Amino acid sequence: MILGIAKSVSGAPIRLTDERWDHITTSHLEINPKDYKAVLSIVENPNVILRGDTGELLAVKKQRGKSIWNVVAYKEVGKEDGFILTAYLTTDYSWLFKREIIWNKE
């Protein structure tokens, strides 16, 4: 079942399925199980998009007033399809910003 769809910065619809949401909330306990809309929002309105290691994209958004970064990993299969792989929070952003920047809000 699809919980929601976000439009990526490139315009592709990115699906969040209940299977992936279950993975996210059981593997990353820092993610509130009620906050799937917030995860979709990060895909739609990130601060930056970074290239992942295996073809995925990382939508990254800094939490306002905190040293915490929200990261949502997703794949775009094409212009008409994509899906969320996982989501997590990190305070260690040094490794994150060693990656190639694909898109920057600023």
Foldseek 3Di string as FASTA:
>chain_A
DWPDWAQAPLGETATEDPVQLVVACVVAVVDDSVPPVVLSVLRRDAQFWFADDPQWIWRWHADPPDLKIKIWTKHDPDRHYIYTNYIYMDNPCPVVVVTHTPDGPD
